[in-house]
């Protein structure tokens, strides 16, 4: 199966309610969240203690996910907050729902 067909996830990690944010993309969300928690996901997340998965969206094509990630990264913080709070108003850690 090629990369295009495998799909992926666009996700947002946070340290706390309306705190620091990290927008990322991955083909394996559970593995990527575990990497962030273990300090090997990204230097940005490690330095800021971003271990809470607060938003994630599945996409059918990884290229579509990458484009969406780049778009969200350009958004204003309050737009990102609105995106998160539409699906997760209490900023709960969603990683417990991962298989």
C-alpha atoms as a PDB file:
ATOM      1  CA  UNK A   1       0.000   0.000   0.000  1.00  0.00           C
ATOM      2  CA  UNK A   2       1.454   3.389  -0.947  1.00  0.00           C
ATOM      3  CA  UNK A   3       1.655   6.455   1.292  1.00  0.00           C
ATOM      4  CA  UNK A   4      -1.221   8.228  -0.431  1.00  0.00           C
ATOM      5  CA  UNK A   5      -3.700   5.437   0.301  1.00  0.00           C
ATOM      6  CA  UNK A   6      -2.656   4.733   3.873  1.00  0.00           C
ATOM      7  CA  UNK A   7      -4.133   7.921   5.263  1.00  0.00           C
ATOM      8  CA  UNK A   8      -3.154   9.628   8.453  1.00  0.00           C
ATOM      9  CA  UNK A   9      -4.003  11.947  11.289  1.00  0.00           C
ATOM     10  CA  UNK A  10      -3.700  15.659  11.964  1.00  0.00           C
ATOM     11  CA  UNK A  11      -3.494  16.244  15.710  1.00  0.00           C
ATOM     12  CA  UNK A  12      -2.902  18.854  18.388  1.00  0.00           C
ATOM     13  CA  UNK A  13      -0.955  18.303  21.596  1.00  0.00           C
ATOM     14  CA  UNK A  14      -1.149  20.690  24.571  1.00  0.00           C
ATOM     15  CA  UNK A  15       0.317  21.044  28.033  1.00  0.00           C
ATOM     16  CA  UNK A  16      -2.867  22.352  29.695  1.00  0.00           C
ATOM     17  CA  UNK A  17      -6.144  24.158  29.002  1.00  0.00           C
ATOM     18  CA  UNK A  18      -5.445  26.929  26.472  1.00  0.00           C
ATOM     19  CA  UNK A  19      -1.719  26.532  26.968  1.00  0.00           C
ATOM     20  CA  UNK A  20       1.094  25.784  24.532  1.00  0.00           C
ATOM     21  CA  UNK A  21       0.072  23.904  21.369  1.00  0.00           C
ATOM     22  CA  UNK A  22       1.759  21.625  18.856  1.00  0.00           C
ATOM     23  CA  UNK A  23       0.116  20.747  15.536  1.00  0.00           C
ATOM     24  CA  UNK A  24       1.401  17.583  13.893  1.00  0.00           C
ATOM     25  CA  UNK A  25       0.655  14.909  11.321  1.00  0.00           C
ATOM     26  CA  UNK A  26       1.260  11.159  11.475  1.00  0.00           C
ATOM     27  CA  UNK A  27       0.190   7.883   9.951  1.00  0.00           C
ATOM     28  CA  UNK A  28       0.103   6.193  13.403  1.00  0.00           C
ATOM     29  CA  UNK A  29      -1.481   8.404  16.057  1.00  0.00           C
ATOM     30  CA  UNK A  30      -1.038   6.060  19.038  1.00  0.00           C
ATOM     31  CA  UNK A  31       2.668   5.583  18.300  1.00  0.00           C
ATOM     32  CA  UNK A  32       3.215   9.317  17.776  1.00  0.00           C
ATOM     33  CA  UNK A  33       1.492  10.296  21.028  1.00  0.00           C
ATOM     34  CA  UNK A  34       3.613   7.709  22.862  1.00  0.00           C
ATOM     35  CA  UNK A  35       6.720   9.276  21.303  1.00  0.00           C
ATOM     36  CA  UNK A  36       5.693  12.741  22.497  1.00  0.00           C
ATOM     37  CA  UNK A  37       5.073  11.395  25.997  1.00  0.00           C
ATOM     38  CA  UNK A  38       8.411   9.611  26.006  1.00  0.00           C
ATOM     39  CA  UNK A  39      10.289  12.744  24.977  1.00  0.00           C
ATOM     40  CA  UNK A  40      11.212  11.490  21.498  1.00  0.00           C
ATOM     41  CA  UNK A  41       8.316  12.993  19.507  1.00  0.00           C
ATOM     42  CA  UNK A  42       9.678  16.484  18.976  1.00  0.00           C
ATOM     43  CA  UNK A  43      12.020  18.844  20.772  1.00  0.00           C
ATOM     44  CA  UNK A  44       9.245  21.458  20.920  1.00  0.00           C
ATOM     45  CA  UNK A  45       6.883  19.099  22.777  1.00  0.00           C
ATOM     46  CA  UNK A  46       9.632  17.837  25.057  1.00  0.00           C
ATOM     47  CA  UNK A  47      10.786  21.331  26.069  1.00  0.00           C
ATOM     48  CA  UNK A  48       7.241  22.501  26.791  1.00  0.00           C
ATOM     49  CA  UNK A  49       5.819  19.313  28.317  1.00  0.00           C
ATOM     50  CA  UNK A  50       3.140  18.851  25.674  1.00  0.00           C
ATOM     51  CA  UNK A  51       1.767  15.413  26.533  1.00  0.00           C
ATOM     52  CA  UNK A  52      -1.989  15.895  26.237  1.00  0.00           C
ATOM     53  CA  UNK A  53      -3.700  14.915  22.958  1.00  0.00           C
ATOM     54  CA  UNK A  54      -6.546  17.446  22.738  1.00  0.00           C
ATOM     55  CA  UNK A  55      -7.679  17.133  19.096  1.00  0.00           C
ATOM     56  CA  UNK A  56      -7.247  14.680  16.231  1.00  0.00           C
ATOM     57  CA  UNK A  57      -8.793  14.221  12.818  1.00  0.00           C
ATOM     58  CA  UNK A  58      -8.407  11.233  10.494  1.00  0.00           C
ATOM     59  CA  UNK A  59      -7.779  11.742   6.799  1.00  0.00           C
ATOM     60  CA  UNK A  60      -7.942   9.268   3.937  1.00  0.00           C
ATOM     61  CA  UNK A  61      -4.729  10.471   2.268  1.00  0.00           C
ATOM     62  CA  UNK A  62      -1.521  11.482   4.065  1.00  0.00           C
ATOM     63  CA  UNK A  63      -0.938  14.297   1.572  1.00  0.00           C
ATOM     64  CA  UNK A  64      -4.339  15.769   2.478  1.00  0.00           C
ATOM     65  CA  UNK A  65      -3.423  15.512   6.154  1.00  0.00           C
ATOM     66  CA  UNK A  66      -0.106  17.273   5.571  1.00  0.00           C
ATOM     67  CA  UNK A  67      -1.850  20.118   3.732  1.00  0.00           C
ATOM     68  CA  UNK A  68      -4.413  20.430   6.556  1.00  0.00           C
ATOM     69  CA  UNK A  69      -1.631  20.465   9.171  1.00  0.00           C
ATOM     70  CA  UNK A  70       0.151  23.280   7.330  1.00  0.00           C
ATOM     71  CA  UNK A  71      -3.100  25.257   7.127  1.00  0.00           C
ATOM     72  CA  UNK A  72      -3.831  24.858  10.840  1.00  0.00           C
ATOM     73  CA  UNK A  73      -0.271  25.874  11.758  1.00  0.00           C
ATOM     74  CA  UNK A  74      -0.925  29.240  10.070  1.00  0.00           C
ATOM     75  CA  UNK A  75      -4.142  29.816  12.016  1.00  0.00           C
ATOM     76  CA  UNK A  76      -4.429  32.263  14.893  1.00  0.00           C
ATOM     77  CA  UNK A  77      -4.347  30.731  18.380  1.00  0.00           C
ATOM     78  CA  UNK A  78      -7.993  31.571  19.042  1.00  0.00           C
ATOM     79  CA  UNK A  79      -9.021  29.680  15.866  1.00  0.00           C
ATOM     80  CA  UNK A  80      -7.084  26.642  17.102  1.00  0.00           C
ATOM     81  CA  UNK A  81      -8.759  26.958  20.501  1.00  0.00           C
ATOM     82  CA  UNK A  82     -12.176  27.044  18.792  1.00  0.00           C
ATOM     83  CA  UNK A  83     -11.315  23.937  16.751  1.00  0.00           C
ATOM     84  CA  UNK A  84     -10.294  22.042  19.884  1.00  0.00           C
ATOM     85  CA  UNK A  85     -13.229  23.230  21.983  1.00  0.00           C
ATOM     86  CA  UNK A  86     -15.805  22.331  19.324  1.00  0.00           C
ATOM     87  CA  UNK A  87     -14.911  18.642  19.749  1.00  0.00           C
ATOM     88  CA  UNK A  88     -13.299  18.679  23.207  1.00  0.00           C
ATOM     89  CA  UNK A  89     -14.616  21.606  25.305  1.00  0.00           C
ATOM     90  CA  UNK A  90     -12.895  20.427  28.499  1.00  0.00           C
ATOM     91  CA  UNK A  91      -9.519  19.832  26.826  1.00  0.00           C
ATOM     92  CA  UNK A  92      -9.484  16.240  28.033  1.00  0.00           C
ATOM     93  CA  UNK A  93      -6.604  13.995  27.063  1.00  0.00           C
ATOM     94  CA  UNK A  94      -8.019  11.972  24.166  1.00  0.00           C
ATOM     95  CA  UNK A  95      -5.189   9.451  24.077  1.00  0.00           C
ATOM     96  CA  UNK A  96      -7.113   7.096  26.378  1.00  0.00           C
ATOM     97  CA  UNK A  97      -9.499   6.533  23.443  1.00  0.00           C
ATOM     98  CA  UNK A  98      -6.732   5.320  21.133  1.00  0.00           C
ATOM     99  CA  UNK A  99      -6.593   1.643  20.319  1.00  0.00           C
END
